[in-house]
Amino acid sequence: MLEIGEKTIPYKVVKSFEEALIAAERFRYPVLARASFPEGDRISGFVKNREELVSLVTSISADLSQLLIDKSVKG
């Protein structure tokens, strides 16, 4: 999208808990955290702070290969 001049919401693909925390701090809370390949009832959602992100990532980390951290436009 950037190649054609379209604006996009900043995001980061992360592969570890530490990378998720760094991305969320960079974008500033709230952020949207979601599995890159969601299946079934995998958890994703908006998180307002570090504690909520820790809880969310911990709950899905057993099957986590990649996680997307998006800057929230929700505000």
PDB file of N, CA and C in Angstrom:
ATOM      1  N   MET A   1       0.815  -1.189   0.000  1.00  0.00           N
ATOM      2  CA  MET A   1       0.000   0.000   0.000  1.00  0.00           C
ATOM      3  C   MET A   1       0.865   1.263   0.000  1.00  0.00           C
ATOM      4  N   LEU A   2       1.939   1.225   0.743  1.00  0.00           N
ATOM      5  CA  LEU A   2       2.801   2.395   0.780  1.00  0.00           C
ATOM      6  C   LEU A   2       3.388   2.703  -0.586  1.00  0.00           C
ATOM      7  N   GLU A   3       3.647   1.649  -1.370  1.00  0.00           N
ATOM      8  CA  GLU A   3       4.228   1.835  -2.698  1.00  0.00           C
ATOM      9  C   GLU A   3       3.320   2.644  -3.618  1.00  0.00           C
ATOM     10  N   ILE A   4       2.008   2.561  -3.367  1.00  0.00           N
ATOM     11  CA  ILE A   4       1.070   3.291  -4.229  1.00  0.00           C
ATOM     12  C   ILE A   4       0.532   4.551  -3.555  1.00  0.00           C
ATOM     13  N   GLY A   5       1.144   4.931  -2.435  1.00  0.00           N
ATOM     14  CA  GLY A   5       0.788   6.170  -1.772  1.00  0.00           C
ATOM     15  C   GLY A   5      -0.411   6.096  -0.841  1.00  0.00           C
ATOM     16  N   GLU A   6      -0.894   4.907  -0.529  1.00  0.00           N
ATOM     17  CA  GLU A   6      -2.018   4.763   0.395  1.00  0.00           C
ATOM     18  C   GLU A   6      -1.520   4.755   1.827  1.00  0.00           C
ATOM     19  N   LYS A   7      -2.223   5.436   2.688  1.00  0.00           N
ATOM     20  CA  LYS A   7      -1.870   5.434   4.098  1.00  0.00           C
ATOM     21  C   LYS A   7      -2.297   4.106   4.719  1.00  0.00           C
ATOM     22  N   THR A   8      -1.494   3.618   5.629  1.00  0.00           N
ATOM     23  CA  THR A   8      -1.814   2.387   6.334  1.00  0.00           C
ATOM     24  C   THR A   8      -1.612   2.595   7.831  1.00  0.00           C
ATOM     25  N   ILE A   9      -2.253   1.765   8.599  1.00  0.00           N
ATOM     26  CA  ILE A   9      -2.079   1.810  10.042  1.00  0.00           C
ATOM     27  C   ILE A   9      -0.759   1.131  10.375  1.00  0.00           C
ATOM     28  N   PRO A  10       0.082   1.777  11.176  1.00  0.00           N
ATOM     29  CA  PRO A  10       1.357   1.159  11.535  1.00  0.00           C
ATOM     30  C   PRO A  10       1.132  -0.168  12.267  1.00  0.00           C
ATOM     31  N   TYR A  11       1.949  -1.165  11.933  1.00  0.00           N
ATOM     32  CA  TYR A  11       1.864  -2.465  12.577  1.00  0.00           C
ATOM     33  C   TYR A  11       3.247  -3.094  12.608  1.00  0.00           C
ATOM     34  N   LYS A  12       3.361  -4.123  13.417  1.00  0.00           N
ATOM     35  CA  LYS A  12       4.621  -4.864  13.529  1.00  0.00           C
ATOM     36  C   LYS A  12       4.281  -6.336  13.701  1.00  0.00           C
ATOM     37  N   VAL A  13       4.936  -7.182  12.915  1.00  0.00           N
ATOM     38  CA  VAL A  13       4.821  -8.624  13.084  1.00  0.00           C
ATOM     39  C   VAL A  13       5.896  -9.029  14.080  1.00  0.00           C
ATOM     40  N   VAL A  14       5.480  -9.672  15.168  1.00  0.00           N
ATOM     41  CA  VAL A  14       6.433 -10.059  16.204  1.00  0.00           C
ATOM     42  C   VAL A  14       6.404 -11.568  16.408  1.00  0.00           C
ATOM     43  N   LYS A  15       7.520 -12.093  16.870  1.00  0.00           N
ATOM     44  CA  LYS A  15       7.637 -13.538  17.080  1.00  0.00           C
ATOM     45  C   LYS A  15       7.983 -13.889  18.512  1.00  0.00           C
ATOM     46  N   SER A  16       7.985 -12.887  19.388  1.00  0.00           N
ATOM     47  CA  SER A  16       8.288 -13.162  20.784  1.00  0.00           C
ATOM     48  C   SER A  16       7.526 -12.182  21.671  1.00  0.00           C
ATOM     49  N   PHE A  17       7.426 -12.568  22.918  1.00  0.00           N
ATOM     50  CA  PHE A  17       6.779 -11.740  23.915  1.00  0.00           C
ATOM     51  C   PHE A  17       7.488 -10.395  24.041  1.00  0.00           C
ATOM     52  N   GLU A  18       8.808 -10.425  24.051  1.00  0.00           N
ATOM     53  CA  GLU A  18       9.590  -9.194  24.184  1.00  0.00           C
ATOM     54  C   GLU A  18       9.352  -8.252  23.009  1.00  0.00           C
ATOM     55  N   GLU A  19       9.304  -8.809  21.795  1.00  0.00           N
ATOM     56  CA  GLU A  19       9.042  -7.982  20.616  1.00  0.00           C
ATOM     57  C   GLU A  19       7.649  -7.359  20.685  1.00  0.00           C
ATOM     58  N   ALA A  20       6.682  -8.082  21.212  1.00  0.00           N
ATOM     59  CA  ALA A  20       5.322  -7.555  21.357  1.00  0.00           C
ATOM     60  C   ALA A  20       5.308  -6.354  22.293  1.00  0.00           C
ATOM     61  N   LEU A  21       6.020  -6.460  23.402  1.00  0.00           N
ATOM     62  CA  LEU A  21       6.079  -5.344  24.353  1.00  0.00           C
ATOM     63  C   LEU A  21       6.755  -4.120  23.741  1.00  0.00           C
ATOM     64  N   ILE A  22       7.832  -4.343  23.011  1.00  0.00           N
ATOM     65  CA  ILE A  22       8.549  -3.235  22.377  1.00  0.00           C
ATOM     66  C   ILE A  22       7.661  -2.538  21.351  1.00  0.00           C
ATOM     67  N   ALA A  23       6.967  -3.318  20.525  1.00  0.00           N
ATOM     68  CA  ALA A  23       6.093  -2.737  19.496  1.00  0.00           C
ATOM     69  C   ALA A  23       4.963  -1.932  20.141  1.00  0.00           C
ATOM     70  N   ALA A  24       4.357  -2.479  21.178  1.00  0.00           N
ATOM     71  CA  ALA A  24       3.254  -1.780  21.842  1.00  0.00           C
ATOM     72  C   ALA A  24       3.727  -0.470  22.458  1.00  0.00           C
ATOM     73  N   GLU A  25       4.903  -0.481  23.047  1.00  0.00           N
ATOM     74  CA  GLU A  25       5.449   0.756  23.619  1.00  0.00           C
ATOM     75  C   GLU A  25       5.751   1.770  22.522  1.00  0.00           C
ATOM     76  N   ARG A  26       6.234   1.297  21.382  1.00  0.00           N
ATOM     77  CA  ARG A  26       6.550   2.194  20.275  1.00  0.00           C
ATOM     78  C   ARG A  26       5.292   2.855  19.716  1.00  0.00           C
ATOM     79  N   PHE A  27       4.218   2.069  19.576  1.00  0.00           N
ATOM     80  CA  PHE A  27       2.973   2.611  19.028  1.00  0.00           C
ATOM     81  C   PHE A  27       2.169   3.378  20.068  1.00  0.00           C
ATOM     82  N   ARG A  28       2.447   3.130  21.321  1.00  0.00           N
ATOM     83  CA  ARG A  28       1.715   3.684  22.466  1.00  0.00           C
ATOM     84  C   ARG A  28       0.347   3.022  22.565  1.00  0.00           C
ATOM     85  N   TYR A  29      -0.048   2.758  23.759  1.00  0.00           N
ATOM     86  CA  TYR A  29      -1.329   2.105  24.006  1.00  0.00           C
ATOM     87  C   TYR A  29      -2.474   3.071  23.750  1.00  0.00           C
ATOM     88  N   PRO A  30      -3.651   2.573  23.357  1.00  0.00           N
ATOM     89  CA  PRO A  30      -4.023   1.177  23.138  1.00  0.00           C
ATOM     90  C   PRO A  30      -3.505   0.651  21.807  1.00  0.00           C
ATOM     91  N   VAL A  31      -3.346  -0.663  21.732  1.00  0.00           N
ATOM     92  CA  VAL A  31      -2.966  -1.336  20.494  1.00  0.00           C
ATOM     93  C   VAL A  31      -3.897  -2.523  20.280  1.00  0.00           C
ATOM     94  N   LEU A  32      -3.916  -3.007  19.048  1.00  0.00           N
ATOM     95  CA  LEU A  32      -4.649  -4.220  18.730  1.00  0.00           C
ATOM     96  C   LEU A  32      -3.627  -5.335  18.610  1.00  0.00           C
ATOM     97  N   ALA A  33      -3.806  -6.397  19.372  1.00  0.00           N
ATOM     98  CA  ALA A  33      -2.914  -7.552  19.327  1.00  0.00           C
ATOM     99  C   ALA A  33      -3.714  -8.716  18.776  1.00  0.00           C
ATOM    100  N   ARG A  34      -3.170  -9.366  17.735  1.00  0.00           N
ATOM    101  CA  ARG A  34      -3.913 -10.481  17.134  1.00  0.00           C
ATOM    102  C   ARG A  34      -2.957 -11.474  16.511  1.00  0.00           C
ATOM    103  N   ALA A  35      -3.395 -12.715  16.491  1.00  0.00           N
ATOM    104  CA  ALA A  35      -2.603 -13.763  15.860  1.00  0.00           C
ATOM    105  C   ALA A  35      -2.566 -13.491  14.361  1.00  0.00           C
ATOM    106  N   SER A  36      -1.416 -13.719  13.743  1.00  0.00           N
ATOM    107  CA  SER A  36      -1.305 -13.438  12.314  1.00  0.00           C
ATOM    108  C   SER A  36      -2.086 -14.434  11.472  1.00  0.00           C
ATOM    109  N   PHE A  37      -2.290 -15.630  12.001  1.00  0.00           N
ATOM    110  CA  PHE A  37      -3.082 -16.645  11.310  1.00  0.00           C
ATOM    111  C   PHE A  37      -4.153 -17.146  12.269  1.00  0.00           C
ATOM    112  N   PRO A  38      -5.215 -16.352  12.479  1.00  0.00           N
ATOM    113  CA  PRO A  38      -6.218 -16.744  13.463  1.00  0.00           C
ATOM    114  C   PRO A  38      -6.954 -18.016  13.053  1.00  0.00           C
ATOM    115  N   GLU A  39      -7.165 -18.874  14.020  1.00  0.00           N
ATOM    116  CA  GLU A  39      -7.897 -20.111  13.794  1.00  0.00           C
ATOM    117  C   GLU A  39      -8.888 -20.293  14.927  1.00  0.00           C
ATOM    118  N   GLY A  40     -10.092 -20.654  14.598  1.00  0.00           N
ATOM    119  CA  GLY A  40     -11.080 -20.958  15.616  1.00  0.00           C
ATOM    120  C   GLY A  40     -11.298 -19.816  16.578  1.00  0.00           C
ATOM    121  N   ASP A  41     -11.145 -20.099  17.854  1.00  0.00           N
ATOM    122  CA  ASP A  41     -11.436 -19.105  18.879  1.00  0.00           C
ATOM    123  C   ASP A  41     -10.187 -18.443  19.446  1.00  0.00           C
ATOM    124  N   ARG A  42      -9.147 -18.350  18.648  1.00  0.00           N
ATOM    125  CA  ARG A  42      -7.935 -17.674  19.140  1.00  0.00           C
ATOM    126  C   ARG A  42      -8.292 -16.278  19.615  1.00  0.00           C
ATOM    127  N   ILE A  43      -7.634 -15.882  20.654  1.00  0.00           N
ATOM    128  CA  ILE A  43      -7.938 -14.601  21.285  1.00  0.00           C
ATOM    129  C   ILE A  43      -7.170 -13.478  20.595  1.00  0.00           C
ATOM    130  N   SER A  44      -7.853 -12.369  20.411  1.00  0.00           N
ATOM    131  CA  SER A  44      -7.213 -11.143  19.964  1.00  0.00           C
ATOM    132  C   SER A  44      -8.034  -9.999  20.528  1.00  0.00           C
ATOM    133  N   GLY A  45      -7.473  -8.821  20.526  1.00  0.00           N
ATOM    134  CA  GLY A  45      -8.258  -7.704  21.016  1.00  0.00           C
ATOM    135  C   GLY A  45      -7.438  -6.470  21.276  1.00  0.00           C
ATOM    136  N   PHE A  46      -8.165  -5.430  21.644  1.00  0.00           N
ATOM    137  CA  PHE A  46      -7.536  -4.172  22.003  1.00  0.00           C
ATOM    138  C   PHE A  46      -7.016  -4.274  23.428  1.00  0.00           C
ATOM    139  N   VAL A  47      -5.817  -3.787  23.626  1.00  0.00           N
ATOM    140  CA  VAL A  47      -5.251  -3.749  24.973  1.00  0.00           C
ATOM    141  C   VAL A  47      -4.885  -2.307  25.303  1.00  0.00           C
ATOM    142  N   LYS A  48      -5.197  -1.903  26.523  1.00  0.00           N
ATOM    143  CA  LYS A  48      -5.022  -0.509  26.931  1.00  0.00           C
ATOM    144  C   LYS A  48      -3.699  -0.215  27.615  1.00  0.00           C
ATOM    145  N   ASN A  49      -3.030  -1.303  28.058  1.00  0.00           N
ATOM    146  CA  ASN A  49      -1.787  -1.085  28.807  1.00  0.00           C
ATOM    147  C   ASN A  49      -0.936  -2.349  28.792  1.00  0.00           C
ATOM    148  N   ARG A  50       0.238  -2.245  29.370  1.00  0.00           N
ATOM    149  CA  ARG A  50       1.199  -3.351  29.388  1.00  0.00           C
ATOM    150  C   ARG A  50       0.620  -4.590  30.072  1.00  0.00           C
ATOM    151  N   GLU A  51      -0.078  -4.388  31.180  1.00  0.00           N
ATOM    152  CA  GLU A  51      -0.630  -5.516  31.922  1.00  0.00           C
ATOM    153  C   GLU A  51      -1.635  -6.307  31.080  1.00  0.00           C
ATOM    154  N   GLU A  52      -2.493  -5.607  30.340  1.00  0.00           N
ATOM    155  CA  GLU A  52      -3.458  -6.285  29.475  1.00  0.00           C
ATOM    156  C   GLU A  52      -2.755  -7.026  28.349  1.00  0.00           C
ATOM    157  N   LEU A  53      -1.687  -6.450  27.806  1.00  0.00           N
ATOM    158  CA  LEU A  53      -0.935  -7.124  26.747  1.00  0.00           C
ATOM    159  C   LEU A  53      -0.268  -8.389  27.285  1.00  0.00           C
ATOM    160  N   VAL A  54       0.318  -8.296  28.456  1.00  0.00           N
ATOM    161  CA  VAL A  54       0.939  -9.471  29.076  1.00  0.00           C
ATOM    162  C   VAL A  54      -0.098 -10.577  29.240  1.00  0.00           C
ATOM    163  N   SER A  55      -1.269 -10.232  29.731  1.00  0.00           N
ATOM    164  CA  SER A  55      -2.327 -11.219  29.937  1.00  0.00           C
ATOM    165  C   SER A  55      -2.762 -11.854  28.618  1.00  0.00           C
ATOM    166  N   LEU A  56      -2.959 -11.045  27.590  1.00  0.00           N
ATOM    167  CA  LEU A  56      -3.402 -11.560  26.291  1.00  0.00           C
ATOM    168  C   LEU A  56      -2.344 -12.453  25.658  1.00  0.00           C
ATOM    169  N   VAL A  57      -1.107 -11.991  25.620  1.00  0.00           N
ATOM    170  CA  VAL A  57      -0.036 -12.777  24.992  1.00  0.00           C
ATOM    171  C   VAL A  57       0.192 -14.074  25.764  1.00  0.00           C
ATOM    172  N   THR A  58       0.123 -14.024  27.075  1.00  0.00           N
ATOM    173  CA  THR A  58       0.287 -15.223  27.888  1.00  0.00           C
ATOM    174  C   THR A  58      -0.800 -16.241  27.579  1.00  0.00           C
ATOM    175  N   SER A  59      -2.017 -15.776  27.341  1.00  0.00           N
ATOM    176  CA  SER A  59      -3.130 -16.694  27.091  1.00  0.00           C
ATOM    177  C   SER A  59      -3.048 -17.382  25.731  1.00  0.00           C
ATOM    178  N   ILE A  60      -2.339 -16.791  24.771  1.00  0.00           N
ATOM    179  CA  ILE A  60      -2.258 -17.402  23.442  1.00  0.00           C
ATOM    180  C   ILE A  60      -0.859 -17.891  23.086  1.00  0.00           C
ATOM    181  N   SER A  61       0.095 -17.736  23.985  1.00  0.00           N
ATOM    182  CA  SER A  61       1.493 -17.992  23.637  1.00  0.00           C
ATOM    183  C   SER A  61       1.806 -19.448  23.313  1.00  0.00           C
ATOM    184  N   ALA A  62       1.011 -20.393  23.776  1.00  0.00           N
ATOM    185  CA  ALA A  62       1.307 -21.804  23.504  1.00  0.00           C
ATOM    186  C   ALA A  62       1.304 -22.093  22.007  1.00  0.00           C
ATOM    187  N   ASP A  63       0.436 -21.439  21.258  1.00  0.00           N
ATOM    188  CA  ASP A  63       0.337 -21.672  19.829  1.00  0.00           C
ATOM    189  C   ASP A  63       0.859 -20.503  19.003  1.00  0.00           C
ATOM    190  N   LEU A  64       1.582 -19.616  19.624  1.00  0.00           N
ATOM    191  CA  LEU A  64       1.994 -18.385  18.960  1.00  0.00           C
ATOM    192  C   LEU A  64       3.214 -18.594  18.076  1.00  0.00           C
ATOM    193  N   SER A  65       3.029 -18.387  16.775  1.00  0.00           N
ATOM    194  CA  SER A  65       4.176 -18.369  15.879  1.00  0.00           C
ATOM    195  C   SER A  65       4.456 -16.929  15.464  1.00  0.00           C
ATOM    196  N   GLN A  66       3.387 -16.176  15.272  1.00  0.00           N
ATOM    197  CA  GLN A  66       3.514 -14.749  14.959  1.00  0.00           C
ATOM    198  C   GLN A  66       2.317 -14.009  15.556  1.00  0.00           C
ATOM    199  N   LEU A  67       2.563 -12.793  15.957  1.00  0.00           N
ATOM    200  CA  LEU A  67       1.519 -11.933  16.489  1.00  0.00           C
ATOM    201  C   LEU A  67       1.638 -10.597  15.782  1.00  0.00           C
ATOM    202  N   LEU A  68       0.508  -9.997  15.476  1.00  0.00           N
ATOM    203  CA  LEU A  68       0.499  -8.666  14.894  1.00  0.00           C
ATOM    204  C   LEU A  68       0.142  -7.665  15.975  1.00  0.00           C
ATOM    205  N   ILE A  69       0.921  -6.611  16.059  1.00  0.00           N
ATOM    206  CA  ILE A  69       0.624  -5.494  16.962  1.00  0.00           C
ATOM    207  C   ILE A  69       0.329  -4.306  16.068  1.00  0.00           C
ATOM    208  N   ASP A  70      -0.901  -3.804  16.138  1.00  0.00           N
ATOM    209  CA  ASP A  70      -1.324  -2.675  15.320  1.00  0.00           C
ATOM    210  C   ASP A  70      -1.534  -1.444  16.191  1.00  0.00           C
ATOM    211  N   LYS A  71      -1.128  -0.301  15.677  1.00  0.00           N
ATOM    212  CA  LYS A  71      -1.476   0.952  16.344  1.00  0.00           C
ATOM    213  C   LYS A  71      -2.989   1.070  16.294  1.00  0.00           C
ATOM    214  N   SER A  72      -3.599   1.431  17.385  1.00  0.00           N
ATOM    215  CA  SER A  72      -5.055   1.507  17.434  1.00  0.00           C
ATOM    216  C   SER A  72      -5.546   2.847  16.885  1.00  0.00           C
ATOM    217  N   VAL A  73      -6.552   2.778  16.049  1.00  0.00           N
ATOM    218  CA  VAL A  73      -7.222   3.996  15.604  1.00  0.00           C
ATOM    219  C   VAL A  73      -8.464   4.217  16.441  1.00  0.00           C
ATOM    220  N   LYS A  74      -8.706   3.296  17.366  1.00  0.00           N
ATOM    221  CA  LYS A  74      -9.855   3.379  18.260  1.00  0.00           C
ATOM    222  C   LYS A  74      -9.678   4.527  19.235  1.00  0.00           C
ATOM    223  N   GLY A  75      -8.410   4.793  19.623  1.00  0.00           N
ATOM    224  CA  GLY A  75      -8.118   5.897  20.527  1.00  0.00           C
ATOM    225  C   GLY A  75      -8.293   5.596  21.968  1.00  0.00           C
TER     226      GLY A  75
END
